[in-house]
Amino acid sequence: MTTIKPDTHFINKMAVHHLGLQHYEAVWRDMQGFTQQRHPETPDEIWVVEHHPVYTLGLIGKQEHILKTTTIPVINTDRGGQVTYHGPGQLVIYTLLDIQRLQINIRQLVTILEQAMIGVLAQYGIMAVSRADAPGVYVQGKKIGSIGLRIKKNASYHGLSLNNAMDLQPFKYINPCGYSDLEVTQLADLGVIINTPELALLVVHAITTALHP
């Protein structure tokens, strides 16, 4: 990592970096650099962050899914998927993992991330599900958690976002994940009040436990 000094601790022997509130592009470039420079012995890392307001458009993203021009910047990024929104109050967890060494494939990693969110939500009485046709996590048909990944050099970067207590209005100006009729929700609107760093600890613990049972 080059531009951001993290607050680091370890969960299940994995380094977890808490980056705080950061601009998306700086963290993205650091993820790219970390992945490019890593070698077979490089330890895996998890980065926890919140982002200043930003729309990100994935590799297959179509500009037509951005319905309204706003002051919120749009960044073309190299993760999978379409368009989404990040902003303060949303938990973002980036998984920088050697999936070859972990002996998992990208589909298995997606499932691990989905189940981590589903399990944590269940602890608060929220019944969430995944969908085979559209990666992510849903509550009563509304999306609460998104996943977008990139694999390079047998290693993953990017990760998940989980809506906690944020301004959801910017989602109205896009087709979230490319779906015109998709609504979004968040923990705060479902009656769960939890600060984002505390939520992060629960989700990270679920991920690391699944990776290193």
Protein backbone atom coordinates (compact mmCIF):
# COMPACT_ATOMS: atom_id res chain seq x y z
CA MET A 1 0.00 0.00 0.00
CA THR A 2 1.42 3.31 -0.99
CA THR A 3 -0.80 6.30 -0.38
CA ILE A 4 -2.93 5.33 2.62
CA LYS A 5 -1.67 4.45 6.09
CA PRO A 6 -4.00 1.82 7.57
CA ASP A 7 -4.99 0.98 11.11
CA THR A 8 -4.20 -2.74 11.14
CA HIS A 9 -5.21 -5.69 13.28
CA PHE A 10 -5.42 -9.44 12.71
CA ILE A 11 -8.45 -11.73 12.58
CA ASN A 12 -7.87 -15.46 12.16
CA LYS A 13 -4.23 -14.67 11.32
CA MET A 14 -5.25 -12.40 8.41
CA ALA A 15 -4.18 -8.75 8.29
CA VAL A 16 -7.23 -6.48 8.33
CA HIS A 17 -6.57 -2.85 7.42
CA HIS A 18 -9.09 -0.22 8.49
CA LEU A 19 -8.69 2.70 6.11
CA GLY A 20 -11.51 4.96 7.32
CA LEU A 21 -13.22 7.34 4.86
CA GLN A 22 -11.29 7.46 1.59
CA HIS A 23 -11.66 8.51 -2.02
CA TYR A 24 -12.43 5.50 -4.19
CA GLU A 25 -9.73 5.96 -6.81
CA ALA A 26 -6.85 6.13 -4.32
CA VAL A 27 -7.87 2.83 -2.72
CA TRP A 28 -8.52 1.21 -6.09
CA ARG A 29 -5.05 2.15 -7.36
CA ASP A 30 -3.52 0.79 -4.16
CA MET A 31 -5.40 -2.49 -4.66
CA GLN A 32 -4.09 -2.73 -8.20
CA GLY A 33 -0.55 -2.06 -7.02
CA PHE A 34 -0.76 -4.58 -4.20
CA THR A 35 -2.05 -7.27 -6.56
CA GLN A 36 0.50 -6.52 -9.27
CA GLN A 37 3.42 -6.67 -6.83
CA ARG A 38 2.33 -9.72 -4.86
CA HIS A 39 4.11 -13.07 -5.18
CA PRO A 40 3.17 -16.64 -4.11
CA GLU A 41 4.25 -15.98 -0.50
CA THR A 42 2.49 -12.62 -0.09
CA PRO A 43 0.03 -12.81 2.84
CA ASP A 44 -3.61 -12.18 2.03
CA GLU A 45 -5.19 -8.97 3.29
CA ILE A 46 -8.64 -7.52 3.89
CA TRP A 47 -9.23 -3.78 3.59
CA VAL A 48 -12.18 -2.12 5.33
CA VAL A 49 -13.20 1.30 4.09
CA GLU A 50 -15.98 3.80 3.53
CA HIS A 51 -15.93 5.97 0.42
CA HIS A 52 -16.74 9.55 -0.35
CA PRO A 53 -19.77 9.65 -2.70
CA VAL A 54 -18.95 8.01 -6.04
CA TYR A 55 -20.55 5.98 -8.80
CA THR A 56 -18.40 3.16 -10.14
CA LEU A 57 -18.96 1.49 -13.49
CA GLY A 58 -17.68 -2.06 -13.90
CA LEU A 59 -15.92 -3.56 -16.90
CA ILE A 60 -19.18 -4.47 -18.63
CA GLY A 61 -20.97 -1.41 -17.31
CA LYS A 62 -23.18 0.56 -19.68
CA GLN A 63 -23.38 4.33 -19.46
CA GLU A 64 -27.14 4.12 -20.10
CA HIS A 65 -27.61 2.76 -16.56
CA ILE A 66 -26.62 6.18 -15.21
CA LEU A 67 -29.98 7.90 -15.44
CA LYS A 68 -29.11 11.40 -14.24
CA THR A 69 -25.97 13.50 -14.20
CA THR A 70 -25.17 14.77 -10.71
CA THR A 71 -22.20 16.28 -8.92
CA ILE A 72 -21.21 12.76 -7.82
CA PRO A 73 -18.22 11.58 -9.89
CA VAL A 74 -18.41 8.50 -12.10
CA ILE A 75 -15.33 6.27 -12.24
CA ASN A 76 -14.81 3.52 -14.78
CA THR A 77 -13.21 0.73 -12.78
CA ASP A 78 -11.93 -2.79 -13.46
CA ARG A 79 -14.23 -4.89 -11.28
CA GLY A 80 -16.95 -7.08 -12.68
CA GLY A 81 -20.55 -5.92 -12.88
CA GLN A 82 -22.45 -2.80 -13.83
CA VAL A 83 -22.94 0.50 -12.00
CA THR A 84 -23.24 1.00 -8.25
CA TYR A 85 -22.97 3.78 -5.69
CA HIS A 86 -20.65 4.10 -2.69
CA GLY A 87 -20.99 6.68 0.05
CA PRO A 88 -20.44 7.30 3.77
CA GLY A 89 -22.41 4.90 5.94
CA GLN A 90 -21.87 2.00 3.57
CA LEU A 91 -19.48 -0.76 4.63
CA VAL A 92 -16.98 -1.70 1.91
CA ILE A 93 -14.70 -4.71 2.36
CA TYR A 94 -11.99 -5.47 -0.19
CA THR A 95 -10.64 -9.03 -0.28
CA LEU A 96 -7.07 -9.25 -1.56
CA LEU A 97 -6.67 -13.00 -1.67
CA ASP A 98 -4.53 -15.59 -3.42
CA ILE A 99 -7.43 -17.77 -4.50
CA GLN A 100 -5.12 -20.38 -6.01
CA ARG A 101 -3.38 -20.83 -2.66
CA LEU A 102 -6.74 -20.91 -0.88
CA GLN A 103 -7.93 -23.51 -3.42
CA ILE A 104 -11.14 -21.68 -4.20
CA ASN A 105 -12.55 -20.31 -7.45
CA ILE A 106 -14.31 -17.01 -8.04
CA ARG A 107 -17.78 -18.54 -7.70
CA GLN A 108 -16.83 -19.97 -4.31
CA LEU A 109 -15.46 -16.59 -3.23
CA VAL A 110 -18.70 -14.88 -4.25
CA THR A 111 -20.62 -17.40 -2.17
CA ILE A 112 -18.34 -16.83 0.85
CA LEU A 113 -18.92 -13.07 0.65
CA GLU A 114 -22.68 -13.47 0.21
CA GLN A 115 -22.96 -15.92 3.10
CA ALA A 116 -20.87 -13.66 5.34
CA MET A 117 -23.37 -10.83 4.86
CA ILE A 118 -26.38 -13.14 5.15
CA GLY A 119 -25.06 -14.63 8.38
CA VAL A 120 -24.39 -11.26 10.00
CA LEU A 121 -27.80 -9.93 8.99
CA ALA A 122 -29.40 -13.04 10.50
CA GLN A 123 -27.78 -12.15 13.84
CA TYR A 124 -29.97 -9.04 13.80
CA GLY A 125 -33.13 -10.86 12.79
CA ILE A 126 -32.94 -9.87 9.12
CA MET A 127 -33.65 -12.72 6.72
CA ALA A 128 -31.56 -12.14 3.61
CA VAL A 129 -30.98 -14.32 0.56
CA SER A 130 -28.66 -14.56 -2.43
CA ARG A 131 -29.78 -14.99 -6.03
CA ALA A 132 -28.26 -17.32 -8.58
CA ASP A 133 -29.01 -14.91 -11.43
CA ALA A 134 -27.66 -11.75 -9.76
CA PRO A 135 -24.78 -11.83 -7.24
CA GLY A 136 -25.40 -9.97 -4.02
CA VAL A 137 -27.69 -10.11 -1.01
CA TYR A 138 -31.39 -9.22 -0.94
CA VAL A 139 -34.01 -8.55 1.72
CA GLN A 140 -37.61 -8.87 0.56
CA GLY A 141 -36.47 -8.33 -3.01
CA LYS A 142 -34.47 -5.19 -2.22
CA LYS A 143 -30.69 -5.23 -2.54
CA ILE A 144 -28.70 -4.59 0.61
CA GLY A 145 -25.30 -6.05 -0.34
CA SER A 146 -23.33 -5.98 -3.59
CA ILE A 147 -20.32 -7.90 -4.85
CA GLY A 148 -17.84 -7.02 -7.56
CA LEU A 149 -14.49 -8.76 -8.04
CA ARG A 150 -11.47 -8.87 -10.30
CA ILE A 151 -9.02 -11.76 -10.60
CA LYS A 152 -5.45 -11.12 -11.72
CA LYS A 153 -2.36 -13.29 -11.19
CA ASN A 154 -4.62 -15.87 -9.49
CA ALA A 155 -5.50 -13.24 -6.88
CA SER A 156 -8.69 -11.33 -6.13
CA TYR A 157 -9.28 -7.69 -5.39
CA HIS A 158 -12.35 -5.47 -5.01
CA GLY A 159 -14.98 -7.17 -2.84
CA LEU A 160 -18.34 -6.35 -1.23
CA SER A 161 -20.42 -3.40 -0.09
CA LEU A 162 -23.16 -3.58 2.55
CA ASN A 163 -25.61 -0.71 3.04
CA ASN A 164 -25.69 0.24 6.70
CA ALA A 165 -26.82 3.81 7.45
CA MET A 166 -26.34 5.99 4.38
CA ASP A 167 -28.14 8.37 2.04
CA LEU A 168 -29.83 6.02 -0.46
CA GLN A 169 -31.05 8.85 -2.71
CA PRO A 170 -28.12 8.56 -5.19
CA PHE A 171 -29.24 5.02 -6.02
CA LYS A 172 -32.35 6.56 -7.59
CA TYR A 173 -30.20 8.14 -10.30
CA ILE A 174 -28.87 4.81 -11.57
CA ASN A 175 -30.11 1.35 -12.45
CA PRO A 176 -28.35 -0.41 -9.58
CA CYS A 177 -26.24 -3.27 -10.95
CA GLY A 178 -27.95 -2.75 -14.31
CA TYR A 179 -31.51 -3.53 -13.16
CA SER A 180 -34.07 -0.82 -13.86
CA ASP A 181 -36.61 -2.03 -11.29
CA LEU A 182 -34.20 -2.90 -8.48
CA GLU A 183 -34.77 -1.16 -5.15
CA VAL A 184 -32.16 -0.93 -2.42
CA THR A 185 -32.40 -1.01 1.35
CA GLN A 186 -30.09 -0.78 4.37
CA LEU A 187 -29.80 -1.93 7.97
CA ALA A 188 -30.97 1.41 9.37
CA ASP A 189 -34.23 1.20 7.39
CA LEU A 190 -34.75 -2.33 8.72
CA GLY A 191 -34.58 -1.17 12.31
CA VAL A 192 -30.97 -2.12 13.02
CA ILE A 193 -28.72 0.64 14.37
CA ILE A 194 -25.05 -0.32 14.39
CA ASN A 195 -21.95 1.73 13.67
CA THR A 196 -20.12 0.73 10.53
CA PRO A 197 -16.79 -0.25 12.17
CA GLU A 198 -18.66 -2.65 14.47
CA LEU A 199 -20.54 -4.10 11.50
CA ALA A 200 -17.21 -4.50 9.71
CA LEU A 201 -15.77 -6.64 12.50
CA LEU A 202 -18.68 -9.06 12.25
CA VAL A 203 -18.54 -9.39 8.47
CA VAL A 204 -14.74 -9.70 8.37
CA HIS A 205 -14.85 -12.37 11.06
CA ALA A 206 -17.38 -14.33 9.00
CA ILE A 207 -15.21 -14.06 5.88
CA THR A 208 -11.96 -15.07 7.56
CA THR A 209 -13.64 -17.96 9.35
CA ALA A 210 -14.96 -19.27 6.04
CA LEU A 211 -11.53 -18.92 4.42
CA HIS A 212 -9.64 -20.44 7.38
CA PRO A 213 -12.08 -22.68 9.28
